[in-house]
């Protein structure tokens, strides 16, 4: 393992809940991965959505290669340790001029993972800045625990759970995780974050890769899947996913369909548990 993050960077992550930017991909790698993503979009008839927005590393080798980039894994391991699973992976694409946005939320509210050690590496394949709608965060908010959230219906919200947390950016203070193509940010699962619409000239393309140490567990009755990408798993809290193998696209798609089926079932179970807890309260 290479030392990617300085002691000051790790301390910033602990205190503020994020660190950025970290370089990881060359210009040629960015171009190749973006081309592969857009080819996947073409294959699926347009903007990636539905189940294909999630867990592409199971059936797309390029997505697996990004997620297992040594620099990314080295940085993640310096925060959560040597034994690492990918629990989720989301393709975030905002078209220029669209009204797509992401509401204020905490990832940990709906992932159902405990303890709260989930970390997201957000990898930019195009400029992600204030103009294009970069990730915005409330520094230090991860230290204050879960915030009250509720569902708001809005077709432009890319967060399909509709989760919304009331935030006063002027009062709480906002930091902007601006990234150049090939850079990534790291943020904590309980960090309050959102993003605004893309008002730039290019697509804003980001890959949000969610990692957990192997001792973390999920609270749903259904056992969800995860992919071991570094170290060993002696806890067996998740059904392990297989990486995509060359020449086996049908098998990879079947594995992806299964992973998404149990993931969606788990999400429904967690929603019901939260509703029951609210009714009892």
Protein backbone atom coordinates (compact mmCIF):
# COMPACT_ATOMS: atom_id res chain seq x y z
CA UNK A 1 0.00 0.00 0.00
CA UNK A 2 1.27 3.47 -0.92
CA UNK A 3 0.87 6.44 1.40
CA UNK A 4 -1.61 8.62 -0.51
CA UNK A 5 -3.03 10.83 2.24
CA UNK A 6 -0.90 12.96 4.53
CA UNK A 7 -1.54 12.92 8.28
CA UNK A 8 -3.12 16.36 7.85
CA UNK A 9 -5.45 15.02 5.15
CA UNK A 10 -6.59 12.15 7.37
CA UNK A 11 -7.14 14.57 10.25
CA UNK A 12 -9.18 16.85 7.99
CA UNK A 13 -11.36 13.88 7.04
CA UNK A 14 -11.86 13.04 10.71
CA UNK A 15 -12.77 16.61 11.68
CA UNK A 16 -14.58 17.92 8.59
CA UNK A 17 -15.94 14.65 7.18
CA UNK A 18 -14.30 15.00 3.78
CA UNK A 19 -11.05 15.43 1.92
CA UNK A 20 -10.49 16.68 -1.64
CA UNK A 21 -9.05 16.73 -4.20
CA UNK A 22 -6.92 13.62 -4.68
CA UNK A 23 -5.50 12.84 -8.16
CA UNK A 24 -5.87 9.28 -9.41
CA UNK A 25 -6.48 9.06 -13.19
CA UNK A 26 -4.43 10.30 -16.15
CA UNK A 27 -6.06 12.28 -18.97
CA UNK A 28 -5.97 9.21 -21.21
CA UNK A 29 -7.62 7.06 -18.53
CA UNK A 30 -10.34 9.67 -18.02
CA UNK A 31 -11.01 9.74 -21.77
CA UNK A 32 -11.13 5.95 -21.96
CA UNK A 33 -13.43 5.51 -18.96
CA UNK A 34 -15.74 8.30 -20.09
CA UNK A 35 -15.94 6.73 -23.56
CA UNK A 36 -16.76 3.37 -21.98
CA UNK A 37 -19.47 4.90 -19.80
CA UNK A 38 -21.03 6.68 -22.77
CA UNK A 39 -20.90 3.47 -24.79
CA UNK A 40 -22.82 1.80 -21.94
CA UNK A 41 -25.37 4.62 -22.15
CA UNK A 42 -25.70 4.05 -25.89
CA UNK A 43 -26.27 0.34 -25.31
CA UNK A 44 -29.09 1.12 -22.88
CA UNK A 45 -30.73 3.74 -25.09
CA UNK A 46 -29.63 6.95 -23.39
CA UNK A 47 -28.83 8.34 -19.97
CA UNK A 48 -28.05 5.52 -17.54
CA UNK A 49 -30.94 5.11 -15.13
CA UNK A 50 -32.86 2.45 -13.25
CA UNK A 51 -30.82 -0.49 -12.05
CA UNK A 52 -27.99 0.31 -14.48
CA UNK A 53 -27.19 3.52 -12.60
CA UNK A 54 -26.05 1.33 -9.72
CA UNK A 55 -23.32 -1.27 -9.22
CA UNK A 56 -21.85 -1.07 -12.74
CA UNK A 57 -18.64 -2.67 -11.46
CA UNK A 58 -20.39 -6.04 -11.48
CA UNK A 59 -20.96 -6.08 -15.25
CA UNK A 60 -18.67 -3.36 -16.68
CA UNK A 61 -14.91 -3.94 -16.54
CA UNK A 62 -14.11 -0.23 -16.89
CA UNK A 63 -16.23 0.55 -13.81
CA UNK A 64 -14.50 -2.21 -11.87
CA UNK A 65 -11.10 -0.83 -12.89
CA UNK A 66 -12.00 2.64 -11.59
CA UNK A 67 -13.24 1.24 -8.29
CA UNK A 68 -10.10 -0.84 -7.78
CA UNK A 69 -7.67 1.89 -8.84
CA UNK A 70 -4.72 1.47 -6.43
CA UNK A 71 -4.62 5.16 -5.52
CA UNK A 72 -8.30 5.18 -4.60
CA UNK A 73 -8.02 1.97 -2.56
CA UNK A 74 -4.85 3.17 -0.83
CA UNK A 75 -6.58 6.40 0.22
CA UNK A 76 -9.69 4.55 1.40
CA UNK A 77 -7.61 2.04 3.36
CA UNK A 78 -5.90 4.86 5.23
CA UNK A 79 -9.32 5.85 6.56
CA UNK A 80 -11.16 2.54 7.11
CA UNK A 81 -8.41 -0.08 7.20
CA UNK A 82 -7.06 -2.84 4.93
CA UNK A 83 -10.14 -5.06 4.49
CA UNK A 84 -12.47 -3.33 2.04
CA UNK A 85 -15.84 -4.07 0.43
CA UNK A 86 -17.72 -2.07 -2.20
CA UNK A 87 -21.29 -1.87 -0.93
CA UNK A 88 -22.70 0.47 -3.61
CA UNK A 89 -21.55 2.33 -6.72
CA UNK A 90 -23.59 5.04 -8.42
CA UNK A 91 -23.20 6.77 -11.78
CA UNK A 92 -24.09 10.47 -11.40
CA UNK A 93 -24.57 12.27 -14.72
CA UNK A 94 -26.04 15.78 -14.99
CA UNK A 95 -26.68 17.07 -18.48
CA UNK A 96 -25.79 20.73 -19.14
CA UNK A 97 -28.81 22.97 -18.74
CA UNK A 98 -30.94 20.32 -17.01
CA UNK A 99 -32.65 20.94 -13.68
CA UNK A 100 -31.32 17.74 -12.13
CA UNK A 101 -30.11 18.16 -8.56
CA UNK A 102 -29.46 16.15 -5.40
CA UNK A 103 -31.23 17.21 -2.20
CA UNK A 104 -29.49 17.63 1.15
CA UNK A 105 -29.05 14.21 2.71
CA UNK A 106 -26.84 11.84 4.69
CA UNK A 107 -25.93 8.56 3.01
CA UNK A 108 -25.99 6.72 6.34
CA UNK A 109 -29.68 7.47 6.81
CA UNK A 110 -30.81 4.97 4.19
CA UNK A 111 -27.94 2.51 3.69
CA UNK A 112 -28.78 0.64 6.89
CA UNK A 113 -25.12 0.07 7.72
CA UNK A 114 -23.57 -0.01 11.19
CA UNK A 115 -21.22 1.20 12.50
CA UNK A 116 -21.12 4.43 10.46
CA UNK A 117 -17.77 3.77 8.75
CA UNK A 118 -18.95 3.84 5.14
CA UNK A 119 -16.82 6.18 3.00
CA UNK A 120 -17.56 7.37 -0.54
CA UNK A 121 -14.90 8.08 -3.15
CA UNK A 122 -16.45 10.43 -5.73
CA UNK A 123 -14.43 10.20 -8.97
CA UNK A 124 -14.80 12.96 -11.58
CA UNK A 125 -14.78 12.08 -15.29
CA UNK A 126 -15.59 15.68 -16.29
CA UNK A 127 -15.18 19.05 -14.53
CA UNK A 128 -17.15 19.11 -11.28
CA UNK A 129 -17.30 22.67 -9.94
CA UNK A 130 -19.82 25.24 -8.78
CA UNK A 131 -20.95 25.94 -12.33
CA UNK A 132 -21.52 22.30 -13.24
CA UNK A 133 -23.07 21.32 -9.90
CA UNK A 134 -20.32 19.82 -7.74
CA UNK A 135 -20.94 18.13 -4.41
CA UNK A 136 -21.53 20.66 -1.62
CA UNK A 137 -21.02 19.70 2.04
CA UNK A 138 -21.58 21.03 5.55
CA UNK A 139 -18.14 20.49 7.13
CA UNK A 140 -18.19 18.72 10.49
CA UNK A 141 -21.86 17.71 10.20
CA UNK A 142 -20.91 14.02 10.33
CA UNK A 143 -19.94 14.46 13.99
CA UNK A 144 -23.49 15.45 14.99
CA UNK A 145 -25.22 12.19 14.13
CA UNK A 146 -28.36 11.59 12.08
CA UNK A 147 -30.56 14.55 11.18
CA UNK A 148 -34.33 14.45 10.78
CA UNK A 149 -35.21 13.70 7.16
CA UNK A 150 -38.41 13.34 5.20
CA UNK A 151 -39.46 12.44 1.68
CA UNK A 152 -40.15 15.17 -0.87
CA UNK A 153 -41.47 14.26 -4.32
CA UNK A 154 -39.55 16.06 -7.08
CA UNK A 155 -38.93 14.56 -10.53
CA UNK A 156 -35.67 16.51 -10.89
CA UNK A 157 -34.17 15.07 -7.72
CA UNK A 158 -31.56 12.48 -8.69
CA UNK A 159 -31.88 10.99 -5.19
CA UNK A 160 -34.79 8.69 -5.92
CA UNK A 161 -35.50 8.06 -2.24
CA UNK A 162 -36.57 11.72 -2.18
CA UNK A 163 -34.76 12.11 1.12
CA UNK A 164 -34.62 15.75 2.20
CA UNK A 165 -32.97 17.34 5.23
CA UNK A 166 -33.63 20.96 6.10
CA UNK A 167 -30.32 22.85 5.88
CA UNK A 168 -29.59 26.56 6.12
CA UNK A 169 -26.35 26.83 4.11
CA UNK A 170 -25.77 30.45 5.10
CA UNK A 171 -25.94 29.60 8.80
CA UNK A 172 -24.16 26.23 8.73
CA UNK A 173 -21.48 27.04 6.13
CA UNK A 174 -20.83 25.19 2.88
CA UNK A 175 -17.64 23.79 1.37
CA UNK A 176 -17.50 22.91 -2.34
CA UNK A 177 -15.79 19.70 -3.45
CA UNK A 178 -14.56 21.01 -6.79
CA UNK A 179 -12.73 18.43 -8.88
CA UNK A 180 -10.93 18.30 -12.20
CA UNK A 181 -11.36 15.20 -14.38
CA UNK A 182 -9.28 12.39 -12.89
CA UNK A 183 -9.50 13.66 -9.30
CA UNK A 184 -11.63 12.26 -6.50
CA UNK A 185 -13.01 13.34 -3.15
CA UNK A 186 -13.71 11.32 -0.01
CA UNK A 187 -16.70 11.89 2.25
CA UNK A 188 -18.14 10.30 5.38
CA UNK A 189 -21.49 8.52 5.35
CA UNK A 190 -23.03 10.98 7.84
CA UNK A 191 -21.77 14.13 6.16
CA UNK A 192 -24.57 16.42 4.99
CA UNK A 193 -24.21 17.00 1.25
CA UNK A 194 -26.12 17.96 -1.87
CA UNK A 195 -25.51 19.29 -5.39
CA UNK A 196 -27.07 21.93 -7.63
CA UNK A 197 -28.08 21.75 -11.34
CA UNK A 198 -25.44 21.80 -14.05
CA UNK A 199 -25.19 25.24 -15.61
CA UNK A 200 -21.94 24.51 -17.43
CA UNK A 201 -21.26 23.59 -21.07
CA UNK A 202 -20.22 19.95 -20.49
CA UNK A 203 -21.89 17.00 -18.86
CA UNK A 204 -21.04 16.62 -15.19
CA UNK A 205 -20.03 12.98 -14.79
CA UNK A 206 -19.15 11.48 -11.44
CA UNK A 207 -18.78 7.97 -10.04
CA UNK A 208 -19.76 7.61 -6.39
CA UNK A 209 -18.11 4.47 -5.03
CA UNK A 210 -19.15 3.42 -1.52
CA UNK A 211 -16.64 1.40 0.51
CA UNK A 212 -16.96 -0.21 3.93
CA UNK A 213 -14.62 -2.20 6.18
CA UNK A 214 -15.61 -5.86 6.30
CA UNK A 215 -16.77 -5.73 9.94
CA UNK A 216 -19.67 -3.39 9.02
CA UNK A 217 -23.10 -5.04 8.77
CA UNK A 218 -26.50 -4.18 7.25
CA UNK A 219 -29.65 -4.12 9.40
CA UNK A 220 -32.09 -5.60 6.87
CA UNK A 221 -33.34 -9.22 7.09
CA UNK A 222 -32.26 -9.79 3.48
CA UNK A 223 -28.54 -10.32 3.07
CA UNK A 224 -27.30 -7.85 0.47
CA UNK A 225 -24.27 -8.29 -1.74
CA UNK A 226 -20.89 -6.55 -1.71
CA UNK A 227 -17.59 -6.99 -3.52
CA UNK A 228 -14.34 -7.66 -1.70
CA UNK A 229 -11.70 -5.47 -3.36
CA UNK A 230 -8.86 -5.54 -0.84
CA UNK A 231 -7.81 -7.70 2.10
CA UNK A 232 -9.87 -10.53 3.57
CA UNK A 233 -13.43 -10.94 4.80
CA UNK A 234 -13.67 -12.96 8.00
CA UNK A 235 -17.06 -11.53 9.02
CA UNK A 236 -19.25 -12.78 6.14
CA UNK A 237 -21.94 -10.14 6.67
CA UNK A 238 -22.57 -9.88 2.92
CA UNK A 239 -22.94 -12.25 0.00
CA UNK A 240 -19.79 -11.63 -2.03
CA UNK A 241 -20.12 -10.39 -5.60
CA UNK A 242 -17.87 -11.68 -8.39
CA UNK A 243 -15.87 -9.20 -10.52
CA UNK A 244 -16.80 -9.12 -14.22
CA UNK A 245 -14.81 -11.70 -16.16
CA UNK A 246 -13.75 -11.17 -19.79
CA UNK A 247 -15.87 -13.19 -22.19
CA UNK A 248 -18.71 -13.75 -19.70
CA UNK A 249 -21.07 -10.78 -20.21
CA UNK A 250 -24.29 -12.76 -19.65
CA UNK A 251 -23.04 -14.16 -16.36
CA UNK A 252 -22.01 -10.65 -15.25
CA UNK A 253 -25.44 -9.25 -16.12
CA UNK A 254 -27.13 -12.06 -14.20
CA UNK A 255 -24.94 -11.34 -11.19
CA UNK A 256 -25.83 -7.66 -11.44
CA UNK A 257 -29.56 -8.40 -11.67
CA UNK A 258 -29.36 -10.56 -8.55
CA UNK A 259 -27.38 -7.93 -6.63
CA UNK A 260 -29.91 -5.22 -7.50
CA UNK A 261 -32.86 -7.46 -6.62
CA UNK A 262 -31.63 -8.11 -3.09
CA UNK A 263 -30.47 -4.49 -2.69
CA UNK A 264 -33.92 -3.15 -3.59
CA UNK A 265 -35.59 -5.71 -1.33
CA UNK A 266 -33.31 -4.63 1.51
CA UNK A 267 -34.17 -0.97 0.92
CA UNK A 268 -37.90 -1.76 1.16
CA UNK A 269 -37.32 -3.65 4.40
CA UNK A 270 -35.37 -0.75 5.87
CA UNK A 271 -38.09 1.71 4.85
CA UNK A 272 -40.71 -0.40 6.58
CA UNK A 273 -38.56 -0.66 9.72
CA UNK A 274 -38.18 3.14 9.82
CA UNK A 275 -41.92 3.63 9.33
CA UNK A 276 -42.70 1.17 12.15
CA UNK A 277 -40.19 2.88 14.43
CA UNK A 278 -41.79 6.23 13.66
CA UNK A 279 -45.27 4.89 14.40
CA UNK A 280 -44.15 3.53 17.78
CA UNK A 281 -42.49 6.82 18.67
